[in-house]
């Protein structure tokens, strides 16, 4: 009888040990595994084709790889205080990652948190925006993909469309860090090519028409960076261009088709895909934004706005004939 009791106790102890080991293993497994669904907050400055394309490119990578995400898409409609409110919302909800679309968006969410991983897209210079220490080693909770324009190639293209160009206007928003950075670089390039440069700045879309009229009367052509304020006002820009006969060459495709003549543009859908893969590397593989270098655009498109060409009576250089399209 005593033997049977001893055996029974031994079996019971073994059962308890196995149960505890199994439970601990299950807990460890839950800790090590990734969640079924990741929460992602998307903070977008405003609606326009480039920013929308970047967002859709980002989301497409998750869909293709079958990664479940719970997306909270918030659009500030160009309003600064709203960007701050959205940022506070994401921090309060403790989202797993934030996608920041456009420079003011990344600046707002960066000011709100130093712990939630932030991936940016459609941002020209993360360094100028003061959200990273360097492109090579961000050193913060921010990384992402840059839409830095091939500015020199754009200005060389512009000169082919406007033979005999002598004076170039550069218009941009003075309160957008990305625009200031591009405008300064464009002025240096243009002056290096022997062009006279006339600059004009705005702070809101309400300033765009008057500024355009002022600059158009003093230049042979106008170049605009990937500037969110002007992107939102391109129909006005296009009408001033038609009324004055001065061609406008914006920094990206959507702006060009809304009132510009031609450009060599970053492919924003592909840029968004780059940002999407960076986000997956962070969420799935544990990559650290602080040590993840900023990536630069890998795809570019030539685009010529056939409508504006006709309205301005311009001739499209032969090498760009295949890139003509109509809005």
Protein backbone atom coordinates (compact mmCIF):
# COMPACT_ATOMS: atom_id res chain seq x y z
CA UNK A 1 0.00 0.00 0.00
CA UNK A 2 2.84 2.40 0.92
CA UNK A 3 4.52 1.58 -2.39
CA UNK A 4 1.37 2.47 -4.29
CA UNK A 5 1.09 5.78 -2.41
CA UNK A 6 4.72 6.63 -3.18
CA UNK A 7 4.20 5.91 -6.86
CA UNK A 8 1.01 7.96 -6.89
CA UNK A 9 2.81 10.90 -5.28
CA UNK A 10 5.62 10.62 -7.80
CA UNK A 11 3.19 10.59 -10.71
CA UNK A 12 1.38 13.58 -9.25
CA UNK A 13 4.62 15.51 -8.83
CA UNK A 14 5.64 14.70 -12.39
CA UNK A 15 2.24 15.87 -13.64
CA UNK A 16 2.61 19.18 -11.77
CA UNK A 17 6.14 19.64 -13.10
CA UNK A 18 5.03 19.00 -16.67
CA UNK A 19 2.09 21.37 -16.24
CA UNK A 20 4.31 24.16 -14.89
CA UNK A 21 6.92 23.61 -17.61
CA UNK A 22 4.21 23.69 -20.32
CA UNK A 23 2.67 26.85 -18.90
CA UNK A 24 6.02 28.61 -18.66
CA UNK A 25 6.91 27.54 -22.19
CA UNK A 26 3.61 28.91 -23.45
CA UNK A 27 4.24 32.22 -21.71
CA UNK A 28 7.74 32.43 -23.15
CA UNK A 29 6.35 31.65 -26.57
CA UNK A 30 3.79 34.43 -26.27
CA UNK A 31 6.51 36.89 -25.26
CA UNK A 32 8.80 35.94 -28.15
CA UNK A 33 6.15 35.79 -30.86
CA UNK A 34 4.85 38.76 -32.81
CA UNK A 35 1.24 39.93 -32.37
CA UNK A 36 -1.38 38.88 -34.89
CA UNK A 37 -2.14 42.52 -35.73
CA UNK A 38 0.03 45.63 -35.48
CA UNK A 39 -1.49 49.05 -34.78
CA UNK A 40 -0.20 51.77 -37.09
CA UNK A 41 -1.08 55.43 -36.87
CA UNK A 42 -0.80 57.36 -40.15
CA UNK A 43 -0.44 61.11 -39.84
CA UNK A 44 -0.81 62.85 -43.22
CA UNK A 45 -0.39 66.59 -43.67
CA UNK A 46 -3.04 67.01 -46.38
CA UNK A 47 -4.52 65.42 -49.48
CA UNK A 48 -2.66 65.65 -52.75
CA UNK A 49 -1.57 62.98 -55.24
CA UNK A 50 2.06 62.59 -54.13
CA UNK A 51 1.20 62.15 -50.45
CA UNK A 52 -1.73 59.86 -51.27
CA UNK A 53 0.48 57.71 -53.52
CA UNK A 54 3.13 57.41 -50.82
CA UNK A 55 0.49 56.26 -48.33
CA UNK A 56 -0.93 53.66 -50.71
CA UNK A 57 2.55 52.39 -51.55
CA UNK A 58 3.26 51.95 -47.83
CA UNK A 59 0.06 49.97 -47.25
CA UNK A 60 0.57 47.81 -50.33
CA UNK A 61 3.69 46.19 -48.87
CA UNK A 62 1.80 44.96 -45.81
CA UNK A 63 -0.99 43.60 -47.99
CA UNK A 64 1.43 41.76 -50.28
CA UNK A 65 3.25 40.16 -47.35
CA UNK A 66 0.04 39.20 -45.57
CA UNK A 67 0.84 41.22 -42.44
CA UNK A 68 -2.29 42.23 -40.54
CA UNK A 69 -2.38 45.89 -39.49
CA UNK A 70 -4.95 48.02 -37.72
CA UNK A 71 -4.61 51.43 -39.37
CA UNK A 72 -5.69 54.73 -37.82
CA UNK A 73 -5.48 57.19 -40.74
CA UNK A 74 -5.62 60.83 -39.71
CA UNK A 75 -5.38 63.81 -42.09
CA UNK A 76 -4.57 67.26 -40.71
CA UNK A 77 -5.81 69.06 -43.85
CA UNK A 78 -2.76 71.32 -43.68
CA UNK A 79 -3.44 72.55 -40.14
CA UNK A 80 -0.53 72.65 -37.68
CA UNK A 81 -2.51 72.40 -34.41
CA UNK A 82 -4.39 69.42 -35.84
CA UNK A 83 -1.06 67.66 -36.43
CA UNK A 84 -0.33 68.05 -32.72
CA UNK A 85 -3.76 66.72 -31.75
CA UNK A 86 -3.30 63.68 -34.01
CA UNK A 87 0.14 63.05 -32.53
CA UNK A 88 -1.24 63.14 -28.99
CA UNK A 89 -3.95 60.68 -30.06
CA UNK A 90 -1.39 58.16 -31.31
CA UNK A 91 0.71 58.47 -28.17
CA UNK A 92 -2.35 58.02 -25.95
CA UNK A 93 -3.43 54.95 -27.95
CA UNK A 94 0.11 53.51 -27.73
CA UNK A 95 0.23 52.52 -31.38
CA UNK A 96 3.01 50.15 -32.42
CA UNK A 97 4.36 52.49 -35.13
CA UNK A 98 3.58 55.80 -36.81
CA UNK A 99 3.86 56.58 -40.51
CA UNK A 100 4.48 60.32 -40.92
CA UNK A 101 3.69 61.68 -44.38
CA UNK A 102 5.40 65.04 -45.15
CA UNK A 103 7.83 67.08 -43.09
CA UNK A 104 5.40 68.92 -40.75
CA UNK A 105 3.85 65.56 -39.87
CA UNK A 106 7.13 63.97 -38.80
CA UNK A 107 8.07 67.07 -36.81
CA UNK A 108 4.75 66.97 -34.96
CA UNK A 109 4.85 63.30 -33.99
CA UNK A 110 8.56 63.50 -33.12
CA UNK A 111 7.75 66.32 -30.68
CA UNK A 112 5.10 64.11 -29.06
CA UNK A 113 7.07 60.89 -28.49
CA UNK A 114 10.63 59.63 -28.29
CA UNK A 115 9.66 55.98 -27.82
CA UNK A 116 7.14 55.00 -30.52
CA UNK A 117 8.96 54.06 -33.75
CA UNK A 118 8.33 56.63 -36.50
CA UNK A 119 8.82 55.95 -40.21
CA UNK A 120 8.61 58.92 -42.54
CA UNK A 121 7.82 59.22 -46.23
CA UNK A 122 7.56 62.16 -48.67
CA UNK A 123 10.08 64.03 -46.52
CA UNK A 124 12.99 65.73 -48.24
CA UNK A 125 15.57 66.27 -45.51
CA UNK A 126 15.23 64.59 -42.13
CA UNK A 127 18.32 66.45 -40.98
CA UNK A 128 16.90 69.87 -41.88
CA UNK A 129 13.65 68.89 -40.17
CA UNK A 130 15.78 68.21 -37.04
CA UNK A 131 14.28 64.80 -36.34
CA UNK A 132 17.51 62.82 -36.85
CA UNK A 133 21.18 63.47 -36.15
CA UNK A 134 22.30 62.22 -39.56
CA UNK A 135 21.00 60.26 -42.53
CA UNK A 136 23.51 57.49 -41.89
CA UNK A 137 22.79 57.13 -38.17
CA UNK A 138 19.47 58.78 -37.22
CA UNK A 139 20.07 58.33 -33.48
CA UNK A 140 16.39 58.87 -32.62
CA UNK A 141 13.10 56.99 -32.95
CA UNK A 142 12.77 58.28 -36.53
CA UNK A 143 13.83 56.80 -39.85
CA UNK A 144 12.24 56.69 -43.30
CA UNK A 145 12.52 57.40 -47.01
CA UNK A 146 13.45 60.76 -48.54
CA UNK A 147 11.84 62.29 -51.62
CA UNK A 148 14.86 64.47 -52.35
CA UNK A 149 14.49 65.70 -55.91
CA UNK A 150 17.06 65.33 -58.70
CA UNK A 151 17.13 69.12 -58.74
CA UNK A 152 20.05 69.58 -61.12
CA UNK A 153 18.45 67.21 -63.64
CA UNK A 154 15.16 69.09 -63.28
CA UNK A 155 16.76 72.45 -64.01
CA UNK A 156 18.69 71.05 -66.98
CA UNK A 157 15.38 69.65 -68.30
CA UNK A 158 13.70 73.02 -67.75
CA UNK A 159 16.41 74.74 -69.80
CA UNK A 160 15.71 72.41 -72.71
CA UNK A 161 12.04 73.40 -72.67
CA UNK A 162 12.89 77.13 -72.47
CA UNK A 163 15.78 77.80 -74.88
CA UNK A 164 17.62 81.01 -74.08
CA UNK A 165 16.51 80.96 -70.44
CA UNK A 166 18.27 83.71 -68.50
CA UNK A 167 16.21 84.37 -65.37
CA UNK A 168 14.70 81.63 -63.21
CA UNK A 169 12.07 82.22 -60.56
CA UNK A 170 12.04 79.97 -57.49
CA UNK A 171 8.90 80.09 -55.35
CA UNK A 172 8.37 78.17 -52.14
CA UNK A 173 6.88 78.20 -48.66
CA UNK A 174 9.24 79.78 -46.14
CA UNK A 175 7.73 77.84 -43.23
CA UNK A 176 8.35 74.40 -44.70
CA UNK A 177 11.85 73.19 -43.87
CA UNK A 178 11.90 70.81 -46.83
CA UNK A 179 11.03 73.63 -49.24
CA UNK A 180 13.65 76.00 -47.87
CA UNK A 181 16.31 73.30 -48.20
CA UNK A 182 15.38 72.52 -51.82
CA UNK A 183 15.06 76.18 -52.81
CA UNK A 184 18.49 77.05 -51.48
CA UNK A 185 20.04 74.11 -53.30
CA UNK A 186 18.19 74.95 -56.53
CA UNK A 187 19.40 78.56 -56.37
CA UNK A 188 23.00 77.41 -56.04
CA UNK A 189 22.63 75.02 -58.99
CA UNK A 190 20.91 77.61 -61.18
CA UNK A 191 23.51 80.28 -60.45
CA UNK A 192 26.23 77.73 -61.18
CA UNK A 193 24.64 77.28 -64.61
CA UNK A 194 24.87 81.03 -65.23
CA UNK A 195 21.22 81.85 -64.52
CA UNK A 196 19.92 84.85 -62.63
CA UNK A 197 17.64 83.73 -59.78
CA UNK A 198 14.62 85.56 -58.40
CA UNK A 199 13.00 84.03 -55.31
CA UNK A 200 9.55 84.52 -53.84
CA UNK A 201 8.15 83.03 -50.65
CA UNK A 202 4.71 82.41 -49.17
CA UNK A 203 3.44 81.21 -45.81
CA UNK A 204 -0.11 80.14 -46.77
CA UNK A 205 -2.03 79.23 -49.91
CA UNK A 206 -3.70 82.66 -49.70
CA UNK A 207 -0.34 84.22 -50.64
CA UNK A 208 0.28 82.05 -53.70
CA UNK A 209 -1.54 84.01 -56.40
CA UNK A 210 -0.04 87.40 -55.58
CA UNK A 211 3.44 85.96 -55.17
CA UNK A 212 3.19 84.13 -58.50
CA UNK A 213 2.05 87.28 -60.31
CA UNK A 214 4.91 89.26 -58.79
CA UNK A 215 7.55 86.72 -59.78
CA UNK A 216 6.13 85.92 -63.23
CA UNK A 217 6.64 89.50 -64.36
CA UNK A 218 10.39 89.27 -63.74
CA UNK A 219 11.46 85.83 -64.98
CA UNK A 220 11.52 83.52 -68.02
CA UNK A 221 10.35 80.41 -66.13
CA UNK A 222 9.51 79.31 -62.58
CA UNK A 223 10.65 76.25 -60.62
CA UNK A 224 8.79 75.03 -57.51
CA UNK A 225 10.10 72.37 -55.09
CA UNK A 226 7.98 69.59 -53.60
CA UNK A 227 6.22 72.22 -51.54
CA UNK A 228 2.97 71.27 -49.79
CA UNK A 229 1.57 74.80 -49.78
CA UNK A 230 1.99 75.16 -53.54
CA UNK A 231 0.86 71.59 -54.16
CA UNK A 232 -2.44 72.54 -52.57
CA UNK A 233 -2.71 75.62 -54.80
CA UNK A 234 -1.52 74.29 -58.17
CA UNK A 235 -4.75 75.20 -60.03
CA UNK A 236 -4.03 78.83 -59.08
CA UNK A 237 -0.39 78.45 -60.13
CA UNK A 238 -1.45 76.96 -63.45
CA UNK A 239 -3.89 79.76 -64.18
CA UNK A 240 -1.28 82.43 -63.44
CA UNK A 241 1.11 80.57 -65.76
CA UNK A 242 -1.47 80.62 -68.58
CA UNK A 243 -2.39 84.26 -67.98
CA UNK A 244 1.23 85.47 -67.96
CA UNK A 245 2.71 82.99 -70.44
CA UNK A 246 5.44 82.02 -67.98
CA UNK A 247 5.94 78.23 -67.74
CA UNK A 248 6.12 76.56 -64.34
CA UNK A 249 8.18 73.45 -63.61
CA UNK A 250 7.24 71.85 -60.27
CA UNK A 251 9.27 69.25 -58.40
CA UNK A 252 6.85 66.34 -58.69
CA UNK A 253 4.37 64.65 -60.99
CA UNK A 254 1.07 65.48 -59.27
CA UNK A 255 1.89 69.18 -59.10
CA UNK A 256 2.96 69.15 -62.74
CA UNK A 257 -0.29 67.58 -63.93
CA UNK A 258 -2.27 70.11 -61.86
CA UNK A 259 -0.73 73.20 -63.48
CA UNK A 260 2.92 72.71 -64.41
CA UNK A 261 4.68 72.01 -67.71
CA UNK A 262 7.12 69.16 -67.06
CA UNK A 263 9.33 67.49 -64.47
CA UNK A 264 11.47 64.55 -63.52
CA UNK A 265 9.61 63.27 -60.48
CA UNK A 266 10.14 60.85 -57.65
CA UNK A 267 7.75 57.91 -57.95
CA UNK A 268 5.84 58.40 -54.71
CA UNK A 269 4.12 55.02 -54.74
CA UNK A 270 7.52 53.33 -54.86
CA UNK A 271 8.81 55.70 -52.19
CA UNK A 272 5.92 54.64 -49.96
CA UNK A 273 6.82 51.01 -50.59
CA UNK A 274 10.37 51.69 -49.40
CA UNK A 275 8.95 53.19 -46.19
CA UNK A 276 6.60 50.23 -45.83
CA UNK A 277 9.43 47.73 -45.95
CA UNK A 278 11.35 49.76 -43.38
CA UNK A 279 8.31 49.64 -41.10
CA UNK A 280 8.06 45.87 -41.51
CA UNK A 281 11.74 45.51 -40.65
CA UNK A 282 11.05 47.39 -37.41
CA UNK A 283 7.82 45.58 -36.47
CA UNK A 284 8.75 42.04 -37.52
CA UNK A 285 12.54 41.88 -37.34
CA UNK A 286 13.11 44.31 -34.49
CA UNK A 287 15.16 46.84 -36.47
CA UNK A 288 15.98 49.99 -34.48
CA UNK A 289 15.07 53.32 -36.15
CA UNK A 290 18.08 54.90 -34.44
CA UNK A 291 20.47 52.71 -36.45
CA UNK A 292 18.41 52.40 -39.64
CA UNK A 293 19.81 54.81 -42.28
CA UNK A 294 17.50 57.13 -44.18
CA UNK A 295 16.79 55.73 -47.64
CA UNK A 296 16.56 57.79 -50.81
CA UNK A 297 14.12 57.44 -53.70
CA UNK A 298 14.98 54.74 -56.21
CA UNK A 299 12.34 55.38 -58.90
CA UNK A 300 11.77 58.48 -61.07
CA UNK A 301 9.26 59.41 -63.78
CA UNK A 302 9.42 61.94 -66.61
CA UNK A 303 6.12 63.72 -67.06
CA UNK A 304 4.97 66.39 -69.53
CA UNK A 305 1.58 68.09 -69.18
CA UNK A 306 0.15 68.19 -72.70
CA UNK A 307 -2.62 70.61 -71.71
CA UNK A 308 -0.20 73.25 -70.41
CA UNK A 309 2.06 72.77 -73.42
CA UNK A 310 -0.88 73.58 -75.71
CA UNK A 311 -2.07 76.51 -73.60
CA UNK A 312 1.39 78.07 -73.55
CA UNK A 313 2.19 77.24 -77.18
CA UNK A 314 5.40 75.48 -76.24
CA UNK A 315 7.41 72.91 -78.20
CA UNK A 316 8.30 69.67 -76.44
CA UNK A 317 11.93 68.62 -77.03
CA UNK A 318 12.12 65.39 -79.01
CA UNK A 319 13.54 63.31 -76.15
CA UNK A 320 10.45 64.03 -74.02
CA UNK A 321 7.76 63.43 -76.65
CA UNK A 322 6.93 59.97 -75.27
CA UNK A 323 6.17 61.38 -71.82
CA UNK A 324 3.31 63.69 -72.80
CA UNK A 325 0.02 63.04 -71.04
CA UNK A 326 -3.15 65.02 -70.34
CA UNK A 327 -4.85 65.68 -66.98
